[in-house]
C-alpha atoms as a PDB file:
ATOM      1  CA  MET A   1      29.472 -40.760  25.698  1.00  0.00           C
ATOM      2  CA  GLN A   2      27.686 -43.574  24.629  1.00  0.00           C
ATOM      3  CA  THR A   3      24.660 -42.773  22.494  1.00  0.00           C
ATOM      4  CA  LYS A   4      21.152 -44.774  22.289  1.00  0.00           C
ATOM      5  CA  PRO A   5      21.108 -47.220  19.306  1.00  0.00           C
ATOM      6  CA  ARG A   6      18.619 -46.027  16.727  1.00  0.00           C
ATOM      7  CA  LEU A   7      15.740 -47.832  14.671  1.00  0.00           C
ATOM      8  CA  PHE A   8      14.531 -45.793  11.526  1.00  0.00           C
ATOM      9  CA  LEU A   9      11.341 -46.388   9.969  1.00  0.00           C
ATOM     10  CA  ASP A  10      11.074 -45.143   6.266  1.00  0.00           C
ATOM     11  CA  MET A  11       7.710 -43.676   5.582  1.00  0.00           C
ATOM     12  CA  ASP A  12       6.554 -44.307   1.888  1.00  0.00           C
ATOM     13  CA  GLY A  13       6.447 -48.004   1.423  1.00  0.00           C
ATOM     14  CA  VAL A  14       6.804 -48.773   5.155  1.00  0.00           C
ATOM     15  CA  LEU A  15       4.079 -46.737   6.836  1.00  0.00           C
ATOM     16  CA  ALA A  16       2.248 -44.607   4.292  1.00  0.00           C
ATOM     17  CA  ASP A  17       1.229 -46.679   1.024  1.00  0.00           C
ATOM     18  CA  PHE A  18       2.394 -44.408  -1.538  1.00  0.00           C
ATOM     19  CA  ASN A  19       2.014 -46.712  -4.644  1.00  0.00           C
ATOM     20  CA  SER A  20      -1.866 -47.299  -3.823  1.00  0.00           C
ATOM     21  CA  ALA A  21      -2.580 -43.657  -3.906  1.00  0.00           C
ATOM     22  CA  ALA A  22      -0.438 -43.050  -7.163  1.00  0.00           C
ATOM     23  CA  ARG A  23      -2.386 -45.929  -8.581  1.00  0.00           C
ATOM     24  CA  GLN A  24      -5.829 -44.474  -7.776  1.00  0.00           C
ATOM     25  CA  LEU A  25      -4.822 -41.234  -8.690  1.00  0.00           C
ATOM     26  CA  LEU A  26      -3.353 -42.380 -12.008  1.00  0.00           C
ATOM     27  CA  GLY A  27      -6.270 -44.895 -12.737  1.00  0.00           C
ATOM     28  CA  ALA A  28      -3.193 -47.150 -13.195  1.00  0.00           C
ATOM     29  CA  SER A  29      -3.159 -51.102 -13.763  1.00  0.00           C
ATOM     30  CA  ARG A  30      -2.101 -53.395 -10.992  1.00  0.00           C
ATOM     31  CA  SER A  31       0.869 -54.270 -13.530  1.00  0.00           C
ATOM     32  CA  GLU A  32       1.633 -50.539 -13.874  1.00  0.00           C
ATOM     33  CA  ALA A  33       1.945 -50.470 -10.361  1.00  0.00           C
ATOM     34  CA  GLU A  34       4.035 -53.587  -9.741  1.00  0.00           C
ATOM     35  CA  HIS A  35       6.549 -52.011 -12.500  1.00  0.00           C
ATOM     36  CA  ALA A  36       6.608 -48.847 -10.368  1.00  0.00           C
ATOM     37  CA  GLU A  37       7.392 -50.901  -7.107  1.00  0.00           C
ATOM     38  CA  LYS A  38       9.864 -53.065  -8.729  1.00  0.00           C
ATOM     39  CA  ASN A  39      11.723 -50.039 -10.150  1.00  0.00           C
ATOM     40  CA  GLY A  40      11.047 -47.704  -7.281  1.00  0.00           C
ATOM     41  CA  ARG A  41       9.809 -45.004  -9.147  1.00  0.00           C
ATOM     42  CA  TRP A  42       6.881 -44.226 -11.792  1.00  0.00           C
ATOM     43  CA  PRO A  43       7.597 -43.429 -14.994  1.00  0.00           C
ATOM     44  CA  ALA A  44       8.413 -39.785 -15.986  1.00  0.00           C
ATOM     45  CA  ASP A  45       5.043 -38.850 -17.439  1.00  0.00           C
ATOM     46  CA  GLN A  46       3.008 -40.456 -14.688  1.00  0.00           C
ATOM     47  CA  TRP A  47       5.001 -38.724 -12.101  1.00  0.00           C
ATOM     48  CA  ILE A  48       4.374 -35.299 -13.485  1.00  0.00           C
ATOM     49  CA  GLU A  49       0.785 -35.953 -12.781  1.00  0.00           C
ATOM     50  CA  ILE A  50       1.431 -37.490  -9.011  1.00  0.00           C
ATOM     51  CA  ALA A  51       4.081 -34.447  -8.428  1.00  0.00           C
ATOM     52  CA  GLY A  52       1.101 -31.885  -9.585  1.00  0.00           C
ATOM     53  CA  GLN A  53      -1.223 -33.066  -6.761  1.00  0.00           C
ATOM     54  CA  ALA A  54      -1.250 -30.879  -4.099  1.00  0.00           C
ATOM     55  CA  ASN A  55      -0.305 -32.208  -0.854  1.00  0.00           C
ATOM     56  CA  PHE A  56      -0.169 -35.564  -2.324  1.00  0.00           C
ATOM     57  CA  TYR A  57       1.978 -36.878   0.557  1.00  0.00           C
ATOM     58  CA  ARG A  58      -0.197 -35.707   3.228  1.00  0.00           C
ATOM     59  CA  HIS A  59      -3.219 -37.827   2.089  1.00  0.00           C
ATOM     60  CA  LEU A  60      -1.643 -41.107   1.760  1.00  0.00           C
ATOM     61  CA  PRO A  61      -3.477 -43.829   3.034  1.00  0.00           C
ATOM     62  CA  LYS A  62      -1.440 -46.190   5.876  1.00  0.00           C
ATOM     63  CA  MET A  63       0.124 -49.339   4.708  1.00  0.00           C
ATOM     64  CA  PRO A  64      -2.065 -52.081   6.023  1.00  0.00           C
ATOM     65  CA  MET A  65       0.524 -53.621   8.267  1.00  0.00           C
ATOM     66  CA  ALA A  66       2.181 -50.271   9.746  1.00  0.00           C
ATOM     67  CA  ASP A  67       0.307 -50.139  13.149  1.00  0.00           C
ATOM     68  CA  GLN A  68       2.037 -53.688  13.645  1.00  0.00           C
ATOM     69  CA  MET A  69       5.330 -52.368  12.394  1.00  0.00           C
ATOM     70  CA  VAL A  70       5.249 -49.343  14.769  1.00  0.00           C
ATOM     71  CA  GLU A  71       4.285 -51.574  17.874  1.00  0.00           C
ATOM     72  CA  LEU A  72       7.417 -53.640  16.866  1.00  0.00           C
ATOM     73  CA  ALA A  73       9.391 -50.780  16.969  1.00  0.00           C
ATOM     74  CA  LEU A  74       8.001 -49.813  20.094  1.00  0.00           C
ATOM     75  CA  LYS A  75       9.202 -52.809  21.632  1.00  0.00           C
ATOM     76  CA  PHE A  76      12.665 -51.934  20.824  1.00  0.00           C
ATOM     77  CA  ARG A  77      12.322 -48.629  22.439  1.00  0.00           C
ATOM     78  CA  ASP A  78      10.654 -49.909  25.748  1.00  0.00           C
ATOM     79  CA  ASN A  79      12.896 -53.099  25.942  1.00  0.00           C
ATOM     80  CA  LEU A  80      16.235 -52.342  24.274  1.00  0.00           C
ATOM     81  CA  ASP A  81      16.327 -48.245  24.919  1.00  0.00           C
ATOM     82  CA  TYR A  82      16.250 -47.634  21.138  1.00  0.00           C
ATOM     83  CA  GLU A  83      15.521 -44.180  20.036  1.00  0.00           C
ATOM     84  CA  ILE A  84      12.668 -44.712  17.190  1.00  0.00           C
ATOM     85  CA  LEU A  85      12.929 -42.223  14.265  1.00  0.00           C
ATOM     86  CA  ILE A  86      11.147 -41.559  10.872  1.00  0.00           C
ATOM     87  CA  LEU A  87      13.721 -41.632   8.190  1.00  0.00           C
ATOM     88  CA  SER A  88      12.019 -40.358   5.017  1.00  0.00           C
ATOM     89  CA  ALA A  89      13.259 -38.676   1.574  1.00  0.00           C
ATOM     90  CA  ILE A  90      11.843 -35.931  -0.718  1.00  0.00           C
ATOM     91  CA  PRO A  91      11.797 -36.514  -4.514  1.00  0.00           C
ATOM     92  CA  SER A  92      15.034 -36.284  -6.015  1.00  0.00           C
ATOM     93  CA  GLY A  93      13.391 -33.705  -8.482  1.00  0.00           C
ATOM     94  CA  ASN A  94      12.454 -31.089  -5.794  1.00  0.00           C
ATOM     95  CA  ASP A  95       9.420 -30.965  -7.607  1.00  0.00           C
ATOM     96  CA  MET A  96       6.830 -31.314  -4.634  1.00  0.00           C
ATOM     97  CA  PRO A  97       7.349 -28.319  -2.552  1.00  0.00           C
ATOM     98  CA  ASP A  98       4.905 -29.382   0.133  1.00  0.00           C
ATOM     99  CA  ALA A  99       6.654 -32.937   0.414  1.00  0.00           C
ATOM    100  CA  PHE A 100       8.471 -32.056   3.786  1.00  0.00           C
ATOM    101  CA  HIS A 101       5.664 -30.576   5.539  1.00  0.00           C
ATOM    102  CA  ASP A 102       3.063 -33.168   4.334  1.00  0.00           C
ATOM    103  CA  LYS A 103       5.174 -35.951   5.540  1.00  0.00           C
ATOM    104  CA  ILE A 104       5.797 -34.504   9.184  1.00  0.00           C
ATOM    105  CA  ASP A 105       1.923 -33.856   9.242  1.00  0.00           C
ATOM    106  CA  TRP A 106       1.105 -37.347   8.185  1.00  0.00           C
ATOM    107  CA  ILE A 107       3.409 -38.824  10.790  1.00  0.00           C
ATOM    108  CA  HIS A 108       1.821 -36.477  13.418  1.00  0.00           C
ATOM    109  CA  GLU A 109      -1.512 -37.560  12.535  1.00  0.00           C
ATOM    110  CA  HIS A 110      -1.129 -41.144  12.140  1.00  0.00           C
ATOM    111  CA  TYR A 111       1.748 -41.740  15.074  1.00  0.00           C
ATOM    112  CA  GLY A 112       1.853 -38.208  16.837  1.00  0.00           C
ATOM    113  CA  ALA A 113       1.154 -39.810  20.076  1.00  0.00           C
ATOM    114  CA  GLN A 114       4.320 -41.791  20.145  1.00  0.00           C
ATOM    115  CA  GLY A 115       6.564 -38.665  19.686  1.00  0.00           C
ATOM    116  CA  PHE A 116       8.775 -39.787  16.994  1.00  0.00           C
ATOM    117  CA  ARG A 117      11.059 -37.494  15.323  1.00  0.00           C
ATOM    118  CA  VAL A 118      11.124 -37.276  11.487  1.00  0.00           C
ATOM    119  CA  ARG A 119      14.469 -37.128   9.697  1.00  0.00           C
ATOM    120  CA  PHE A 120      15.097 -36.720   6.063  1.00  0.00           C
ATOM    121  CA  GLY A 121      17.818 -38.011   3.921  1.00  0.00           C
ATOM    122  CA  PRO A 122      17.296 -35.399   2.470  1.00  0.00           C
ATOM    123  CA  TYR A 123      17.033 -37.563  -0.687  1.00  0.00           C
ATOM    124  CA  SER A 124      16.839 -41.408  -0.648  1.00  0.00           C
ATOM    125  CA  HIS A 125      20.545 -42.030  -1.459  1.00  0.00           C
ATOM    126  CA  ASP A 126      21.251 -39.986   1.329  1.00  0.00           C
ATOM    127  CA  LYS A 127      19.589 -41.991   4.192  1.00  0.00           C
ATOM    128  CA  VAL A 128      23.094 -44.134   4.687  1.00  0.00           C
ATOM    129  CA  ARG A 129      24.362 -40.984   6.075  1.00  0.00           C
ATOM    130  CA  HIS A 130      22.037 -41.199   9.180  1.00  0.00           C
ATOM    131  CA  CYS A 131      23.837 -44.655  10.052  1.00  0.00           C
ATOM    132  CA  ARG A 132      26.308 -44.217  12.951  1.00  0.00           C
ATOM    133  CA  THR A 133      26.766 -47.488  14.472  1.00  0.00           C
ATOM    134  CA  ASN A 134      26.563 -51.080  14.065  1.00  0.00           C
ATOM    135  CA  GLN A 135      23.281 -51.277  16.211  1.00  0.00           C
ATOM    136  CA  ASP A 136      21.549 -48.758  14.031  1.00  0.00           C
ATOM    137  CA  ILE A 137      18.567 -50.381  12.014  1.00  0.00           C
ATOM    138  CA  LEU A 138      16.667 -49.347   9.212  1.00  0.00           C
ATOM    139  CA  VAL A 139      13.263 -50.646   7.953  1.00  0.00           C
ATOM    140  CA  ASP A 140      12.988 -49.391   4.124  1.00  0.00           C
ATOM    141  CA  ASP A 141      11.240 -50.850   0.994  1.00  0.00           C
ATOM    142  CA  ARG A 142      14.272 -49.818  -1.195  1.00  0.00           C
ATOM    143  CA  THR A 143      16.867 -52.603  -1.977  1.00  0.00           C
ATOM    144  CA  SER A 144      19.485 -50.088  -2.456  1.00  0.00           C
ATOM    145  CA  ASN A 145      18.886 -48.093   0.879  1.00  0.00           C
ATOM    146  CA  CYS A 146      19.224 -51.525   2.674  1.00  0.00           C
ATOM    147  CA  ARG A 147      22.255 -52.560   0.685  1.00  0.00           C
ATOM    148  CA  ASP A 148      24.145 -48.961   1.389  1.00  0.00           C
ATOM    149  CA  TRP A 149      22.943 -49.196   5.369  1.00  0.00           C
ATOM    150  CA  ARG A 150      24.440 -52.831   5.545  1.00  0.00           C
ATOM    151  CA  ALA A 151      27.675 -51.572   3.759  1.00  0.00           C
ATOM    152  CA  ALA A 152      27.729 -48.720   6.373  1.00  0.00           C
ATOM    153  CA  GLY A 153      27.732 -51.404   9.118  1.00  0.00           C
ATOM    154  CA  GLY A 154      24.253 -51.053  10.153  1.00  0.00           C
ATOM    155  CA  ARG A 155      21.389 -53.630  10.154  1.00  0.00           C
ATOM    156  CA  ALA A 156      18.527 -53.286   7.556  1.00  0.00           C
ATOM    157  CA  VAL A 157      15.136 -55.182   6.859  1.00  0.00           C
ATOM    158  CA  GLN A 158      13.540 -54.717   3.548  1.00  0.00           C
ATOM    159  CA  VAL A 159      10.029 -54.200   3.437  1.00  0.00           C
ATOM    160  CA  GLN A 160       9.320 -55.847  -0.180  1.00  0.00           C
ATOM    161  CA  PRO A 161       6.071 -55.735  -1.945  1.00  0.00           C
ATOM    162  CA  GLY A 162       3.761 -58.571  -1.067  1.00  0.00           C
ATOM    163  CA  LEU A 163       6.174 -59.692   1.633  1.00  0.00           C
ATOM    164  CA  TYR A 164       5.323 -57.158   4.772  1.00  0.00           C
ATOM    165  CA  ASP A 165       4.917 -59.938   7.199  1.00  0.00           C
ATOM    166  CA  GLN A 166       8.128 -61.446   6.409  1.00  0.00           C
ATOM    167  CA  ALA A 167       9.416 -57.955   7.148  1.00  0.00           C
ATOM    168  CA  LEU A 168       7.822 -58.148  10.166  1.00  0.00           C
ATOM    169  CA  ALA A 169       9.003 -61.476  11.225  1.00  0.00           C
ATOM    170  CA  GLU A 170      12.645 -60.703  10.281  1.00  0.00           C
ATOM    171  CA  LEU A 171      12.409 -57.458  12.568  1.00  0.00           C
ATOM    172  CA  GLU A 172      10.936 -59.681  15.104  1.00  0.00           C
ATOM    173  CA  LEU A 173      13.407 -62.244  15.280  1.00  0.00           C
ATOM    174  CA  LEU A 174      16.185 -59.398  15.293  1.00  0.00           C
ATOM    175  CA  PHE A 175      14.359 -57.901  18.369  1.00  0.00           C
ATOM    176  CA  ARG A 176      14.448 -61.476  20.186  1.00  0.00           C
ATOM    177  CA  ASN A 177      18.209 -61.896  19.291  1.00  0.00           C
ATOM    178  CA  LEU A 178      18.961 -58.515  20.854  1.00  0.00           C
ATOM    179  CA  MET A 179      17.118 -59.523  23.953  1.00  0.00           C
ATOM    180  CA  VAL A 180      19.249 -62.355  24.402  1.00  0.00           C
ATOM    181  CA  VAL A 181      22.526 -60.933  23.369  1.00  0.00           C
ATOM    182  CA  THR A 182      21.595 -57.957  25.984  1.00  0.00           C
ATOM    183  CA  GLY A 183      20.814 -60.580  28.471  1.00  0.00           C
ATOM    184  CA  ARG A 184      17.233 -59.098  28.844  1.00  0.00           C
ATOM    185  CA  ILE A 185      15.794 -62.722  28.279  1.00  0.00           C
END
């Protein structure tokens, strides 16, 4: 039995703007936020404050170009028969008990009409376990997740800080190439 290829969209840093919400909560400077983005995490003393914020993930703003990313993902579904899933992770310290529910609620509020299913790594380093074929695609902001996904044989597009449009262009090119390879163009 052949299964559908899958396109996984990460939530934090791809669809939801975790770092701008954290920066606002903490009153952090732009350089502190850039340092956190570069390292993939906020310093422990600041993380404690973020983790103490009830329903933090539930109230994240959208990334400015998140809707364009979703529209592009839907082209994979509608033209190439991809299943679109949200692949997120919970904090590794298990110190935000509402994270699972908050993230599911966030997706349902912002993209509920699309019927996306939400999966959890459960942790970030576990995301690679969801890659089953070389047709599976991950869109994620973490370098390590993209690297591990590619090493498992899948395709990955990284959303880097300040370069969201570049990730969109890379995913669009992948879409066009797949349309050609599958004879749909």
